[in-house]
Amino acid sequence: MKHHQTRRATKQTCPLLFWQFVELYLGVPDPKHRLCDQLWRKLYPSALLLFRIAQVHDTNARPDTIKAFGEAMRPTELMAACERVVQAQGRTRQLIELEDSLLEHMTADNAWV
């Protein structure tokens, strides 16, 4: 009998879902994953965010789990990670593009559009 085992997202590597979120939702091309890797290292994801990433993977990206991921991935946390990358490595054109895209996808109360 096969038992279902939930996968756990880990902090060490940038999850594919995070990269897809940056590329597809925010519209910032990152073909070599460098920007996403830098952001992920500076993001300090919550346990809830890691759980939501694993949940999206385990449920084959059902719309409700993707929505829950979006709620756990708060724009202010991503903007703070951008600032930590800037402090560590300087502001690049790609990072400026990401910050602009974040501002376009945020509401005044710091939620996703």
Foldseek 3Di string as FASTA:
>chain_A
DDDDDQDWADLQAQDPVQVCCLCPVLNQDDPPCPVSRQLSNQLPADRQLRSLSSVCVSVVNDVVSVVSNLVRPFLVSSVVSLVVSCVVPNDDPSSVSSVVSSVVQADPVRHGD
